[in-house]
Every structure is written in structure tokens, then in C-alpha cells.
Amino acid sequence: AHAEHARRMLARFQKLGDERETLGAAEHDELAARWNVLCHKLGRAARMASLHSFDASQYYLLSSRHELKAIGDILSGAAARLETSLECYAEARPAFRRLAVMLGAGAGLLYALRSRTV
């Protein structure tokens, strides 16, 4: 359950974009360290449970809550600092071809109307 909760948190965070842009360097290092410790604790809990040492297994599972809370705090802090922005990459230019065609058509229409009246 703990690993699935952590995966869901990271999946939601992944939708925010590149973690290196979202997190600072220190936060990224702390997140990686916390994730590694969480994986270690869950592995130890599974190993202890397979050896029928359920008290030790429960200890590792309960201590993994601390890592989950820290990971959640890091991710929610990073998500709270995000701002939505809209950037225009290319400035809008007038459509030169369309303008040239319209001016040409207007000049042609004026020429046709003048030649008719003369």
C-alpha cells in the first residue's frame, strides 16, 4: 500500500513537467534520497516478513510512513510554487501574400471599372 501510494504521488507530479525544472537541486537530491530509503525500507519489510519476523517487518513498514510524508511534502511544496504562464514563441505577422492578393484584386477591379467607363 505504501509503494502504491508513493507511485500515485509521483505519477501526479510527473504530469507537472520535468522534475529538474519543478524542483530545485537540493529538493531533487532530497527526493532521490528519500525515494531510495523508502525502497530500501520496503525491501527490508518484505525480507523480514518472508523470514516470519513480523515485528521487524512492521517496524520497517511503519518507519516508511516517515519517508512517504517527506516525499509528499517535497512534491506538494514544489507544486505550490508552480505558476501558469503563456508564452508566445512567434510574433503574429500580417499575411503578406493575402494582402498582396487583395491589393492586386482591388487594383484589377478598379482597372476593369475604369476601362468600362472610358
PDB file of N, CA and C in Angstrom:
ATOM      1  N   ALA A   1       0.823  -1.194   0.000  1.00  0.00           N
ATOM      2  CA  ALA A   1       0.000   0.000   0.000  1.00  0.00           C
ATOM      3  C   ALA A   1       0.866   1.257   0.000  1.00  0.00           C
ATOM      4  N   HIS A   2       1.979   1.208   0.740  1.00  0.00           N
ATOM      5  CA  HIS A   2       2.867   2.370   0.801  1.00  0.00           C
ATOM      6  C   HIS A   2       3.510   2.639  -0.551  1.00  0.00           C
ATOM      7  N   ALA A   3       3.964   1.578  -1.203  1.00  0.00           N
ATOM      8  CA  ALA A   3       4.617   1.751  -2.510  1.00  0.00           C
ATOM      9  C   ALA A   3       3.617   2.265  -3.535  1.00  0.00           C
ATOM     10  N   GLU A   4       2.396   1.773  -3.481  1.00  0.00           N
ATOM     11  CA  GLU A   4       1.372   2.228  -4.435  1.00  0.00           C
ATOM     12  C   GLU A   4       1.026   3.693  -4.197  1.00  0.00           C
ATOM     13  N   HIS A   5       0.958   4.091  -2.938  1.00  0.00           N
ATOM     14  CA  HIS A   5       0.690   5.496  -2.610  1.00  0.00           C
ATOM     15  C   HIS A   5       1.809   6.389  -3.142  1.00  0.00           C
ATOM     16  N   ALA A   6       3.045   5.952  -2.968  1.00  0.00           N
ATOM     17  CA  ALA A   6       4.186   6.728  -3.471  1.00  0.00           C
ATOM     18  C   ALA A   6       4.156   6.806  -4.992  1.00  0.00           C
ATOM     19  N   ARG A   7       3.813   5.722  -5.652  1.00  0.00           N
ATOM     20  CA  ARG A   7       3.734   5.731  -7.120  1.00  0.00           C
ATOM     21  C   ARG A   7       2.645   6.683  -7.612  1.00  0.00           C
ATOM     22  N   ARG A   8       1.514   6.694  -6.910  1.00  0.00           N
ATOM     23  CA  ARG A   8       0.433   7.617  -7.302  1.00  0.00           C
ATOM     24  C   ARG A   8       0.868   9.064  -7.139  1.00  0.00           C
ATOM     25  N   MET A   9       1.576   9.360  -6.035  1.00  0.00           N
ATOM     26  CA  MET A   9       2.069  10.729  -5.830  1.00  0.00           C
ATOM     27  C   MET A   9       3.024  11.128  -6.945  1.00  0.00           C
ATOM     28  N   LEU A  10       3.937  10.241  -7.287  1.00  0.00           N
ATOM     29  CA  LEU A  10       4.910  10.557  -8.336  1.00  0.00           C
ATOM     30  C   LEU A  10       4.244  10.658  -9.702  1.00  0.00           C
ATOM     31  N   ALA A  11       3.208   9.854  -9.952  1.00  0.00           N
ATOM     32  CA  ALA A  11       2.500   9.933 -11.233  1.00  0.00           C
ATOM     33  C   ALA A  11       1.788  11.279 -11.370  1.00  0.00           C
ATOM     34  N   ARG A  12       1.182  11.758 -10.277  1.00  0.00           N
ATOM     35  CA  ARG A  12       0.548  13.079 -10.327  1.00  0.00           C
ATOM     36  C   ARG A  12       1.582  14.172 -10.523  1.00  0.00           C
ATOM     37  N   PHE A  13       2.729  14.012  -9.885  1.00  0.00           N
ATOM     38  CA  PHE A  13       3.790  15.005 -10.008  1.00  0.00           C
ATOM     39  C   PHE A  13       4.391  14.997 -11.405  1.00  0.00           C
ATOM     40  N   GLN A  14       4.433  13.834 -12.027  1.00  0.00           N
ATOM     41  CA  GLN A  14       5.020  13.714 -13.360  1.00  0.00           C
ATOM     42  C   GLN A  14       4.234  14.534 -14.383  1.00  0.00           C
ATOM     43  N   LYS A  15       2.946  14.708 -14.162  1.00  0.00           N
ATOM     44  CA  LYS A  15       2.120  15.494 -15.079  1.00  0.00           C
ATOM     45  C   LYS A  15       2.489  16.975 -15.060  1.00  0.00           C
ATOM     46  N   LEU A  16       3.193  17.411 -14.032  1.00  0.00           N
ATOM     47  CA  LEU A  16       3.557  18.823 -13.917  1.00  0.00           C
ATOM     48  C   LEU A  16       4.713  19.207 -14.822  1.00  0.00           C
ATOM     49  N   GLY A  17       5.436  18.243 -15.324  1.00  0.00           N
ATOM     50  CA  GLY A  17       6.557  18.544 -16.211  1.00  0.00           C
ATOM     51  C   GLY A  17       7.845  17.930 -15.719  1.00  0.00           C
ATOM     52  N   ASP A  18       8.942  18.430 -16.228  1.00  0.00           N
ATOM     53  CA  ASP A  18      10.257  17.907 -15.891  1.00  0.00           C
ATOM     54  C   ASP A  18      10.573  18.204 -14.432  1.00  0.00           C
ATOM     55  N   GLU A  19      10.967  17.170 -13.693  1.00  0.00           N
ATOM     56  CA  GLU A  19      11.214  17.373 -12.260  1.00  0.00           C
ATOM     57  C   GLU A  19      12.406  18.272 -12.002  1.00  0.00           C
ATOM     58  N   ARG A  20      13.336  18.349 -12.928  1.00  0.00           N
ATOM     59  CA  ARG A  20      14.504  19.212 -12.721  1.00  0.00           C
ATOM     60  C   ARG A  20      14.120  20.688 -12.850  1.00  0.00           C
ATOM     61  N   GLU A  21      13.071  20.975 -13.599  1.00  0.00           N
ATOM     62  CA  GLU A  21      12.588  22.355 -13.699  1.00  0.00           C
ATOM     63  C   GLU A  21      11.660  22.690 -12.536  1.00  0.00           C
ATOM     64  N   THR A  22      10.935  21.697 -12.051  1.00  0.00           N
ATOM     65  CA  THR A  22       9.965  21.922 -10.990  1.00  0.00           C
ATOM     66  C   THR A  22      10.627  21.974  -9.619  1.00  0.00           C
ATOM     67  N   LEU A  23      11.616  21.123  -9.404  1.00  0.00           N
ATOM     68  CA  LEU A  23      12.314  21.061  -8.122  1.00  0.00           C
ATOM     69  C   LEU A  23      13.659  21.761  -8.215  1.00  0.00           C
ATOM     70  N   GLY A  24      14.089  22.333  -7.118  1.00  0.00           N
ATOM     71  CA  GLY A  24      15.442  22.867  -7.058  1.00  0.00           C
ATOM     72  C   GLY A  24      16.439  21.715  -6.931  1.00  0.00           C
ATOM     73  N   ALA A  25      17.709  22.016  -7.036  1.00  0.00           N
ATOM     74  CA  ALA A  25      18.735  20.966  -6.982  1.00  0.00           C
ATOM     75  C   ALA A  25      18.726  20.255  -5.629  1.00  0.00           C
ATOM     76  N   ALA A  26      18.610  21.020  -4.557  1.00  0.00           N
ATOM     77  CA  ALA A  26      18.608  20.415  -3.220  1.00  0.00           C
ATOM     78  C   ALA A  26      17.361  19.560  -3.012  1.00  0.00           C
ATOM     79  N   GLU A  27      16.208  20.052  -3.494  1.00  0.00           N
ATOM     80  CA  GLU A  27      14.969  19.283  -3.363  1.00  0.00           C
ATOM     81  C   GLU A  27      15.029  18.005  -4.189  1.00  0.00           C
ATOM     82  N   HIS A  28      15.614  18.095  -5.376  1.00  0.00           N
ATOM     83  CA  HIS A  28      15.733  16.911  -6.231  1.00  0.00           C
ATOM     84  C   HIS A  28      16.615  15.862  -5.561  1.00  0.00           C
ATOM     85  N   ASP A  29      17.714  16.298  -4.966  1.00  0.00           N
ATOM     86  CA  ASP A  29      18.598  15.369  -4.259  1.00  0.00           C
ATOM     87  C   ASP A  29      17.894  14.740  -3.062  1.00  0.00           C
ATOM     88  N   GLU A  30      17.152  15.566  -2.320  1.00  0.00           N
ATOM     89  CA  GLU A  30      16.431  15.036  -1.162  1.00  0.00           C
ATOM     90  C   GLU A  30      15.352  14.053  -1.594  1.00  0.00           C
ATOM     91  N   LEU A  31      14.645  14.364  -2.683  1.00  0.00           N
ATOM     92  CA  LEU A  31      13.613  13.459  -3.181  1.00  0.00           C
ATOM     93  C   LEU A  31      14.225  12.127  -3.598  1.00  0.00           C
ATOM     94  N   ALA A  32      15.344  12.164  -4.302  1.00  0.00           N
ATOM     95  CA  ALA A  32      16.002  10.924  -4.724  1.00  0.00           C
ATOM     96  C   ALA A  32      16.461  10.112  -3.512  1.00  0.00           C
ATOM     97  N   ALA A  33      17.008  10.796  -2.511  1.00  0.00           N
ATOM     98  CA  ALA A  33      17.462  10.095  -1.306  1.00  0.00           C
ATOM     99  C   ALA A  33      16.287   9.479  -0.555  1.00  0.00           C
ATOM    100  N   ARG A  34      15.215  10.247  -0.403  1.00  0.00           N
ATOM    101  CA  ARG A  34      14.034   9.727   0.301  1.00  0.00           C
ATOM    102  C   ARG A  34      13.437   8.531  -0.439  1.00  0.00           C
ATOM    103  N   TRP A  35      13.400   8.626  -1.777  1.00  0.00           N
ATOM    104  CA  TRP A  35      12.847   7.529  -2.576  1.00  0.00           C
ATOM    105  C   TRP A  35      13.699   6.270  -2.391  1.00  0.00           C
ATOM    106  N   ASN A  36      15.016   6.424  -2.406  1.00  0.00           N
ATOM    107  CA  ASN A  36      15.898   5.270  -2.224  1.00  0.00           C
ATOM    108  C   ASN A  36      15.737   4.655  -0.836  1.00  0.00           C
ATOM    109  N   VAL A  37      15.606   5.497   0.186  1.00  0.00           N
ATOM    110  CA  VAL A  37      15.406   4.986   1.544  1.00  0.00           C
ATOM    111  C   VAL A  37      14.062   4.274   1.639  1.00  0.00           C
ATOM    112  N   LEU A  38      13.026   4.828   1.000  1.00  0.00           N
ATOM    113  CA  LEU A  38      11.713   4.183   1.007  1.00  0.00           C
ATOM    114  C   LEU A  38      11.790   2.806   0.353  1.00  0.00           C
ATOM    115  N   CYS A  39      12.444   2.719  -0.791  1.00  0.00           N
ATOM    116  CA  CYS A  39      12.586   1.419  -1.469  1.00  0.00           C
ATOM    117  C   CYS A  39      13.360   0.436  -0.592  1.00  0.00           C
ATOM    118  N   HIS A  40      14.384   0.918   0.087  1.00  0.00           N
ATOM    119  CA  HIS A  40      15.164   0.055   0.984  1.00  0.00           C
ATOM    120  C   HIS A  40      14.295  -0.451   2.137  1.00  0.00           C
ATOM    121  N   LYS A  41      13.528   0.442   2.743  1.00  0.00           N
ATOM    122  CA  LYS A  41      12.689   0.038   3.872  1.00  0.00           C
ATOM    123  C   LYS A  41      11.616  -0.957   3.445  1.00  0.00           C
ATOM    124  N   LEU A  42      11.020  -0.737   2.275  1.00  0.00           N
ATOM    125  CA  LEU A  42      10.001  -1.676   1.811  1.00  0.00           C
ATOM    126  C   LEU A  42      10.618  -3.030   1.474  1.00  0.00           C
ATOM    127  N   GLY A  43      11.816  -3.012   0.920  1.00  0.00           N
ATOM    128  CA  GLY A  43      12.511  -4.270   0.646  1.00  0.00           C
ATOM    129  C   GLY A  43      12.852  -5.024   1.925  1.00  0.00           C
ATOM    130  N   ARG A  44      13.315  -4.286   2.928  1.00  0.00           N
ATOM    131  CA  ARG A  44      13.624  -4.915   4.221  1.00  0.00           C
ATOM    132  C   ARG A  44      12.361  -5.463   4.876  1.00  0.00           C
ATOM    133  N   ALA A  45      11.249  -4.734   4.752  1.00  0.00           N
ATOM    134  CA  ALA A  45       9.990  -5.210   5.332  1.00  0.00           C
ATOM    135  C   ALA A  45       9.560  -6.513   4.669  1.00  0.00           C
ATOM    136  N   ALA A  46       9.683  -6.589   3.351  1.00  0.00           N
ATOM    137  CA  ALA A  46       9.318  -7.819   2.643  1.00  0.00           C
ATOM    138  C   ALA A  46      10.256  -8.962   3.036  1.00  0.00           C
ATOM    139  N   ARG A  47      11.544  -8.664   3.167  1.00  0.00           N
ATOM    140  CA  ARG A  47      12.516  -9.690   3.544  1.00  0.00           C
ATOM    141  C   ARG A  47      12.229 -10.210   4.954  1.00  0.00           C
ATOM    142  N   MET A  48      11.925  -9.302   5.876  1.00  0.00           N
ATOM    143  CA  MET A  48      11.639  -9.716   7.250  1.00  0.00           C
ATOM    144  C   MET A  48      10.339 -10.521   7.330  1.00  0.00           C
ATOM    145  N   ALA A  49       9.353 -10.129   6.521  1.00  0.00           N
ATOM    146  CA  ALA A  49       8.091 -10.878   6.517  1.00  0.00           C
ATOM    147  C   ALA A  49       8.302 -12.283   5.963  1.00  0.00           C
ATOM    148  N   SER A  50       9.176 -12.410   4.965  1.00  0.00           N
ATOM    149  CA  SER A  50       9.427 -13.744   4.405  1.00  0.00           C
ATOM    150  C   SER A  50      10.179 -14.637   5.391  1.00  0.00           C
ATOM    151  N   LEU A  51      10.889 -14.026   6.341  1.00  0.00           N
ATOM    152  CA  LEU A  51      11.589 -14.789   7.378  1.00  0.00           C
ATOM    153  C   LEU A  51      10.729 -14.969   8.631  1.00  0.00           C
ATOM    154  N   HIS A  52       9.459 -14.595   8.539  1.00  0.00           N
ATOM    155  CA  HIS A  52       8.488 -14.687   9.639  1.00  0.00           C
ATOM    156  C   HIS A  52       8.882 -13.833  10.837  1.00  0.00           C
ATOM    157  N   SER A  53       9.599 -12.757  10.572  1.00  0.00           N
ATOM    158  CA  SER A  53       9.934 -11.801  11.622  1.00  0.00           C
ATOM    159  C   SER A  53       8.987 -10.610  11.452  1.00  0.00           C
ATOM    160  N   PHE A  54       7.762 -10.826  11.884  1.00  0.00           N
ATOM    161  CA  PHE A  54       6.713  -9.857  11.595  1.00  0.00           C
ATOM    162  C   PHE A  54       6.860  -8.562  12.389  1.00  0.00           C
ATOM    163  N   ASP A  55       7.445  -8.626  13.563  1.00  0.00           N
ATOM    164  CA  ASP A  55       7.665  -7.399  14.330  1.00  0.00           C
ATOM    165  C   ASP A  55       8.658  -6.486  13.618  1.00  0.00           C
ATOM    166  N   ALA A  56       9.739  -7.062  13.109  1.00  0.00           N
ATOM    167  CA  ALA A  56      10.726  -6.266  12.371  1.00  0.00           C
ATOM    168  C   ALA A  56      10.130  -5.753  11.066  1.00  0.00           C
ATOM    169  N   SER A  57       9.321  -6.585  10.422  1.00  0.00           N
ATOM    170  CA  SER A  57       8.669  -6.165   9.180  1.00  0.00           C
ATOM    171  C   SER A  57       7.736  -4.992   9.434  1.00  0.00           C
ATOM    172  N   GLN A  58       6.981  -5.075  10.524  1.00  0.00           N
ATOM    173  CA  GLN A  58       6.077  -3.978  10.865  1.00  0.00           C
ATOM    174  C   GLN A  58       6.859  -2.711  11.196  1.00  0.00           C
ATOM    175  N   TYR A  59       7.999  -2.855  11.834  1.00  0.00           N
ATOM    176  CA  TYR A  59       8.845  -1.702  12.150  1.00  0.00           C
ATOM    177  C   TYR A  59       9.252  -0.972  10.867  1.00  0.00           C
ATOM    178  N   TYR A  60       9.721  -1.729   9.871  1.00  0.00           N
ATOM    179  CA  TYR A  60      10.138  -1.100   8.616  1.00  0.00           C
ATOM    180  C   TYR A  60       8.953  -0.473   7.882  1.00  0.00           C
ATOM    181  N   LEU A  61       7.811  -1.130   7.917  1.00  0.00           N
ATOM    182  CA  LEU A  61       6.632  -0.553   7.259  1.00  0.00           C
ATOM    183  C   LEU A  61       6.188   0.735   7.937  1.00  0.00           C
ATOM    184  N   LEU A  62       6.180   0.734   9.261  1.00  0.00           N
ATOM    185  CA  LEU A  62       5.765   1.944   9.970  1.00  0.00           C
ATOM    186  C   LEU A  62       6.778   3.069   9.790  1.00  0.00           C
ATOM    187  N   SER A  63       8.058   2.727   9.727  1.00  0.00           N
ATOM    188  CA  SER A  63       9.054   3.779   9.536  1.00  0.00           C
ATOM    189  C   SER A  63       9.037   4.305   8.101  1.00  0.00           C
ATOM    190  N   SER A  64       8.478   3.537   7.165  1.00  0.00           N
ATOM    191  CA  SER A  64       8.389   4.035   5.783  1.00  0.00           C
ATOM    192  C   SER A  64       7.354   5.153   5.661  1.00  0.00           C
ATOM    193  N   ARG A  65       6.449   5.250   6.631  1.00  0.00           N
ATOM    194  CA  ARG A  65       5.487   6.360   6.622  1.00  0.00           C
ATOM    195  C   ARG A  65       6.199   7.706   6.696  1.00  0.00           C
ATOM    196  N   HIS A  66       7.284   7.751   7.443  1.00  0.00           N
ATOM    197  CA  HIS A  66       8.064   8.987   7.569  1.00  0.00           C
ATOM    198  C   HIS A  66       8.593   9.418   6.203  1.00  0.00           C
ATOM    199  N   GLU A  67       9.093   8.466   5.431  1.00  0.00           N
ATOM    200  CA  GLU A  67       9.613   8.780   4.093  1.00  0.00           C
ATOM    201  C   GLU A  67       8.485   9.217   3.165  1.00  0.00           C
ATOM    202  N   LEU A  68       7.336   8.546   3.250  1.00  0.00           N
ATOM    203  CA  LEU A  68       6.196   8.931   2.410  1.00  0.00           C
ATOM    204  C   LEU A  68       5.734  10.347   2.714  1.00  0.00           C
ATOM    205  N   LYS A  69       5.682  10.690   3.994  1.00  0.00           N
ATOM    206  CA  LYS A  69       5.259  12.043   4.360  1.00  0.00           C
ATOM    207  C   LYS A  69       6.260  13.068   3.844  1.00  0.00           C
ATOM    208  N   ALA A  70       7.552  12.773   3.966  1.00  0.00           N
ATOM    209  CA  ALA A  70       8.577  13.707   3.489  1.00  0.00           C
ATOM    210  C   ALA A  70       8.509  13.857   1.971  1.00  0.00           C
ATOM    211  N   ILE A  71       8.302  12.759   1.254  1.00  0.00           N
ATOM    212  CA  ILE A  71       8.175  12.824  -0.209  1.00  0.00           C
ATOM    213  C   ILE A  71       6.950  13.649  -0.584  1.00  0.00           C
ATOM    214  N   GLY A  72       5.838  13.414   0.110  1.00  0.00           N
ATOM    215  CA  GLY A  72       4.628  14.188  -0.157  1.00  0.00           C
ATOM    216  C   GLY A  72       4.818  15.668   0.106  1.00  0.00           C
ATOM    217  N   ASP A  73       5.542  16.006   1.170  1.00  0.00           N
ATOM    218  CA  ASP A  73       5.807  17.416   1.477  1.00  0.00           C
ATOM    219  C   ASP A  73       6.673  18.069   0.404  1.00  0.00           C
ATOM    220  N   ILE A  74       7.678  17.349  -0.073  1.00  0.00           N
ATOM    221  CA  ILE A  74       8.541  17.888  -1.129  1.00  0.00           C
ATOM    222  C   ILE A  74       7.732  18.142  -2.393  1.00  0.00           C
ATOM    223  N   LEU A  75       6.907  17.164  -2.771  1.00  0.00           N
ATOM    224  CA  LEU A  75       6.141  17.292  -4.014  1.00  0.00           C
ATOM    225  C   LEU A  75       5.057  18.356  -3.915  1.00  0.00           C
ATOM    226  N   SER A  76       4.375  18.424  -2.781  1.00  0.00           N
ATOM    227  CA  SER A  76       3.325  19.439  -2.658  1.00  0.00           C
ATOM    228  C   SER A  76       3.926  20.836  -2.565  1.00  0.00           C
ATOM    229  N   GLY A  77       5.092  20.968  -1.953  1.00  0.00           N
ATOM    230  CA  GLY A  77       5.767  22.268  -1.922  1.00  0.00           C
ATOM    231  C   GLY A  77       6.173  22.721  -3.309  1.00  0.00           C
ATOM    232  N   ALA A  78       6.659  21.789  -4.115  1.00  0.00           N
ATOM    233  CA  ALA A  78       7.043  22.126  -5.489  1.00  0.00           C
ATOM    234  C   ALA A  78       5.818  22.469  -6.325  1.00  0.00           C
ATOM    235  N   ALA A  79       4.729  21.738  -6.137  1.00  0.00           N
ATOM    236  CA  ALA A  79       3.508  22.015  -6.898  1.00  0.00           C
ATOM    237  C   ALA A  79       2.912  23.360  -6.508  1.00  0.00           C
ATOM    238  N   ALA A  80       3.054  23.754  -5.251  1.00  0.00           N
ATOM    239  CA  ALA A  80       2.503  25.036  -4.803  1.00  0.00           C
ATOM    240  C   ALA A  80       3.262  26.217  -5.400  1.00  0.00           C
ATOM    241  N   ARG A  81       4.525  26.014  -5.735  1.00  0.00           N
ATOM    242  CA  ARG A  81       5.325  27.101  -6.301  1.00  0.00           C
ATOM    243  C   ARG A  81       5.153  27.250  -7.813  1.00  0.00           C
ATOM    244  N   LEU A  82       4.450  26.328  -8.431  1.00  0.00           N
ATOM    245  CA  LEU A  82       4.275  26.416  -9.881  1.00  0.00           C
ATOM    246  C   LEU A  82       3.344  27.556 -10.245  1.00  0.00           C
ATOM    247  N   GLU A  83       3.641  28.202 -11.345  1.00  0.00           N
ATOM    248  CA  GLU A  83       2.783  29.257 -11.867  1.00  0.00           C
ATOM    249  C   GLU A  83       2.492  28.952 -13.322  1.00  0.00           C
ATOM    250  N   THR A  84       1.297  29.260 -13.731  1.00  0.00           N
ATOM    251  CA  THR A  84       0.932  29.065 -15.119  1.00  0.00           C
ATOM    252  C   THR A  84       1.332  30.295 -15.907  1.00  0.00           C
ATOM    253  N   SER A  85       1.962  30.069 -17.026  1.00  0.00           N
ATOM    254  CA  SER A  85       2.349  31.193 -17.878  1.00  0.00           C
ATOM    255  C   SER A  85       2.112  30.810 -19.327  1.00  0.00           C
ATOM    256  N   LEU A  86       1.856  31.813 -20.120  1.00  0.00           N
ATOM    257  CA  LEU A  86       1.631  31.623 -21.543  1.00  0.00           C
ATOM    258  C   LEU A  86       2.694  32.411 -22.276  1.00  0.00           C
ATOM    259  N   GLU A  87       3.435  31.728 -23.109  1.00  0.00           N
ATOM    260  CA  GLU A  87       4.496  32.383 -23.855  1.00  0.00           C
ATOM    261  C   GLU A  87       4.206  32.252 -25.339  1.00  0.00           C
ATOM    262  N   CYS A  88       4.346  33.351 -26.041  1.00  0.00           N
ATOM    263  CA  CYS A  88       4.186  33.335 -27.489  1.00  0.00           C
ATOM    264  C   CYS A  88       5.571  33.204 -28.097  1.00  0.00           C
ATOM    265  N   TYR A  89       5.757  32.199 -28.905  1.00  0.00           N
ATOM    266  CA  TYR A  89       7.080  31.948 -29.456  1.00  0.00           C
ATOM    267  C   TYR A  89       7.340  32.732 -30.729  1.00  0.00           C
ATOM    268  N   ALA A  90       6.299  33.059 -31.468  1.00  0.00           N
ATOM    269  CA  ALA A  90       6.480  33.817 -32.706  1.00  0.00           C
ATOM    270  C   ALA A  90       5.466  34.953 -32.706  1.00  0.00           C
ATOM    271  N   GLU A  91       5.940  36.118 -33.071  1.00  0.00           N
ATOM    272  CA  GLU A  91       5.025  37.249 -33.128  1.00  0.00           C
ATOM    273  C   GLU A  91       4.132  37.106 -34.354  1.00  0.00           C
ATOM    274  N   ALA A  92       2.921  37.572 -34.212  1.00  0.00           N
ATOM    275  CA  ALA A  92       1.985  37.490 -35.330  1.00  0.00           C
ATOM    276  C   ALA A  92       2.406  38.470 -36.414  1.00  0.00           C
ATOM    277  N   ARG A  93       2.560  37.961 -37.631  1.00  0.00           N
ATOM    278  CA  ARG A  93       2.926  38.813 -38.763  1.00  0.00           C
ATOM    279  C   ARG A  93       1.716  38.930 -39.675  1.00  0.00           C
ATOM    280  N   PRO A  94       1.550  40.061 -40.310  1.00  0.00           N
ATOM    281  CA  PRO A  94       0.443  40.153 -41.261  1.00  0.00           C
ATOM    282  C   PRO A  94       0.697  39.199 -42.423  1.00  0.00           C
ATOM    283  N   ALA A  95      -0.355  38.630 -42.911  1.00  0.00           N
ATOM    284  CA  ALA A  95      -0.237  37.682 -44.016  1.00  0.00           C
ATOM    285  C   ALA A  95       0.084  38.465 -45.287  1.00  0.00           C
ATOM    286  N   PHE A  96       1.350  38.456 -45.680  1.00  0.00           N
ATOM    287  CA  PHE A  96       1.809  39.261 -46.807  1.00  0.00           C
ATOM    288  C   PHE A  96       1.174  38.797 -48.115  1.00  0.00           C
ATOM    289  N   ARG A  97       1.102  37.512 -48.331  1.00  0.00           N
ATOM    290  CA  ARG A  97       0.519  37.010 -49.587  1.00  0.00           C
ATOM    291  C   ARG A  97      -0.953  37.386 -49.703  1.00  0.00           C
ATOM    292  N   ARG A  98      -1.669  37.224 -48.593  1.00  0.00           N
ATOM    293  CA  ARG A  98      -3.088  37.561 -48.632  1.00  0.00           C
ATOM    294  C   ARG A  98      -3.277  39.049 -48.906  1.00  0.00           C
ATOM    295  N   LEU A  99      -2.457  39.885 -48.287  1.00  0.00           N
ATOM    296  CA  LEU A  99      -2.531  41.321 -48.514  1.00  0.00           C
ATOM    297  C   LEU A  99      -2.204  41.655 -49.963  1.00  0.00           C
ATOM    298  N   ALA A 100      -1.176  41.003 -50.520  1.00  0.00           N
ATOM    299  CA  ALA A 100      -0.797  41.259 -51.917  1.00  0.00           C
ATOM    300  C   ALA A 100      -1.907  40.832 -52.868  1.00  0.00           C
ATOM    301  N   VAL A 101      -2.533  39.691 -52.604  1.00  0.00           N
ATOM    302  CA  VAL A 101      -3.628  39.218 -53.463  1.00  0.00           C
ATOM    303  C   VAL A 101      -4.810  40.168 -53.385  1.00  0.00           C
ATOM    304  N   MET A 102      -5.141  40.633 -52.175  1.00  0.00           N
ATOM    305  CA  MET A 102      -6.280  41.544 -52.037  1.00  0.00           C
ATOM    306  C   MET A 102      -6.008  42.875 -52.729  1.00  0.00           C
ATOM    307  N   LEU A 103      -4.789  43.405 -52.583  1.00  0.00           N
ATOM    308  CA  LEU A 103      -4.455  44.657 -53.272  1.00  0.00           C
ATOM    309  C   LEU A 103      -4.465  44.468 -54.783  1.00  0.00           C
ATOM    310  N   GLY A 104      -3.951  43.329 -55.249  1.00  0.00           N
ATOM    311  CA  GLY A 104      -3.963  43.044 -56.688  1.00  0.00           C
ATOM    312  C   GLY A 104      -5.383  42.920 -57.219  1.00  0.00           C
ATOM    313  N   ALA A 105      -6.240  42.248 -56.461  1.00  0.00           N
ATOM    314  CA  ALA A 105      -7.634  42.099 -56.888  1.00  0.00           C
ATOM    315  C   ALA A 105      -8.337  43.450 -56.891  1.00  0.00           C
ATOM    316  N   GLY A 106      -8.056  44.272 -55.876  1.00  0.00           N
ATOM    317  CA  GLY A 106      -8.659  45.613 -55.834  1.00  0.00           C
ATOM    318  C   GLY A 106      -8.191  46.467 -56.996  1.00  0.00           C
ATOM    319  N   ALA A 107      -6.884  46.408 -57.312  1.00  0.00           N
ATOM    320  CA  ALA A 107      -6.360  47.182 -58.446  1.00  0.00           C
ATOM    321  C   ALA A 107      -6.960  46.683 -59.751  1.00  0.00           C
ATOM    322  N   GLY A 108      -7.088  45.360 -59.877  1.00  0.00           N
ATOM    323  CA  GLY A 108      -7.695  44.794 -61.091  1.00  0.00           C
ATOM    324  C   GLY A 108      -9.147  45.207 -61.230  1.00  0.00           C
ATOM    325  N   LEU A 109      -9.884  45.239 -60.139  1.00  0.00           N
ATOM    326  CA  LEU A 109     -11.284  45.654 -60.166  1.00  0.00           C
ATOM    327  C   LEU A 109     -11.400  47.120 -60.541  1.00  0.00           C
ATOM    328  N   LEU A 110     -10.538  47.962 -59.958  1.00  0.00           N
ATOM    329  CA  LEU A 110     -10.547  49.382 -60.321  1.00  0.00           C
ATOM    330  C   LEU A 110     -10.205  49.573 -61.795  1.00  0.00           C
ATOM    331  N   TYR A 111      -9.230  48.842 -62.300  1.00  0.00           N
ATOM    332  CA  TYR A 111      -8.848  48.942 -63.713  1.00  0.00           C
ATOM    333  C   TYR A 111     -10.007  48.513 -64.611  1.00  0.00           C
ATOM    334  N   ALA A 112     -10.704  47.444 -64.219  1.00  0.00           N
ATOM    335  CA  ALA A 112     -11.830  46.969 -65.026  1.00  0.00           C
ATOM    336  C   ALA A 112     -12.965  47.989 -65.016  1.00  0.00           C
ATOM    337  N   LEU A 113     -13.236  48.596 -63.868  1.00  0.00           N
ATOM    338  CA  LEU A 113     -14.301  49.593 -63.796  1.00  0.00           C
ATOM    339  C   LEU A 113     -13.930  50.851 -64.581  1.00  0.00           C
ATOM    340  N   ARG A 114     -12.678  51.275 -64.553  1.00  0.00           N
ATOM    341  CA  ARG A 114     -12.240  52.453 -65.306  1.00  0.00           C
ATOM    342  C   ARG A 114     -12.298  52.218 -66.799  1.00  0.00           C
ATOM    343  N   SER A 115     -11.857  51.034 -67.218  1.00  0.00           N
ATOM    344  CA  SER A 115     -11.847  50.766 -68.658  1.00  0.00           C
ATOM    345  C   SER A 115     -13.269  50.644 -69.193  1.00  0.00           C
ATOM    346  N   ARG A 116     -14.204  50.304 -68.385  1.00  0.00           N
ATOM    347  CA  ARG A 116     -15.582  50.194 -68.810  1.00  0.00           C
ATOM    348  C   ARG A 116     -16.197  51.577 -69.017  1.00  0.00           C
ATOM    349  N   THR A 117     -15.865  52.538 -68.172  1.00  0.00           N
ATOM    350  CA  THR A 117     -16.458  53.865 -68.267  1.00  0.00           C
ATOM    351  C   THR A 117     -15.794  54.708 -69.337  1.00  0.00           C
ATOM    352  N   VAL A 118     -14.626  54.385 -69.760  1.00  0.00           N
ATOM    353  CA  VAL A 118     -13.934  55.212 -70.745  1.00  0.00           C
ATOM    354  C   VAL A 118     -14.330  54.875 -72.131  1.00  0.00           C
TER     355      VAL A 118
END
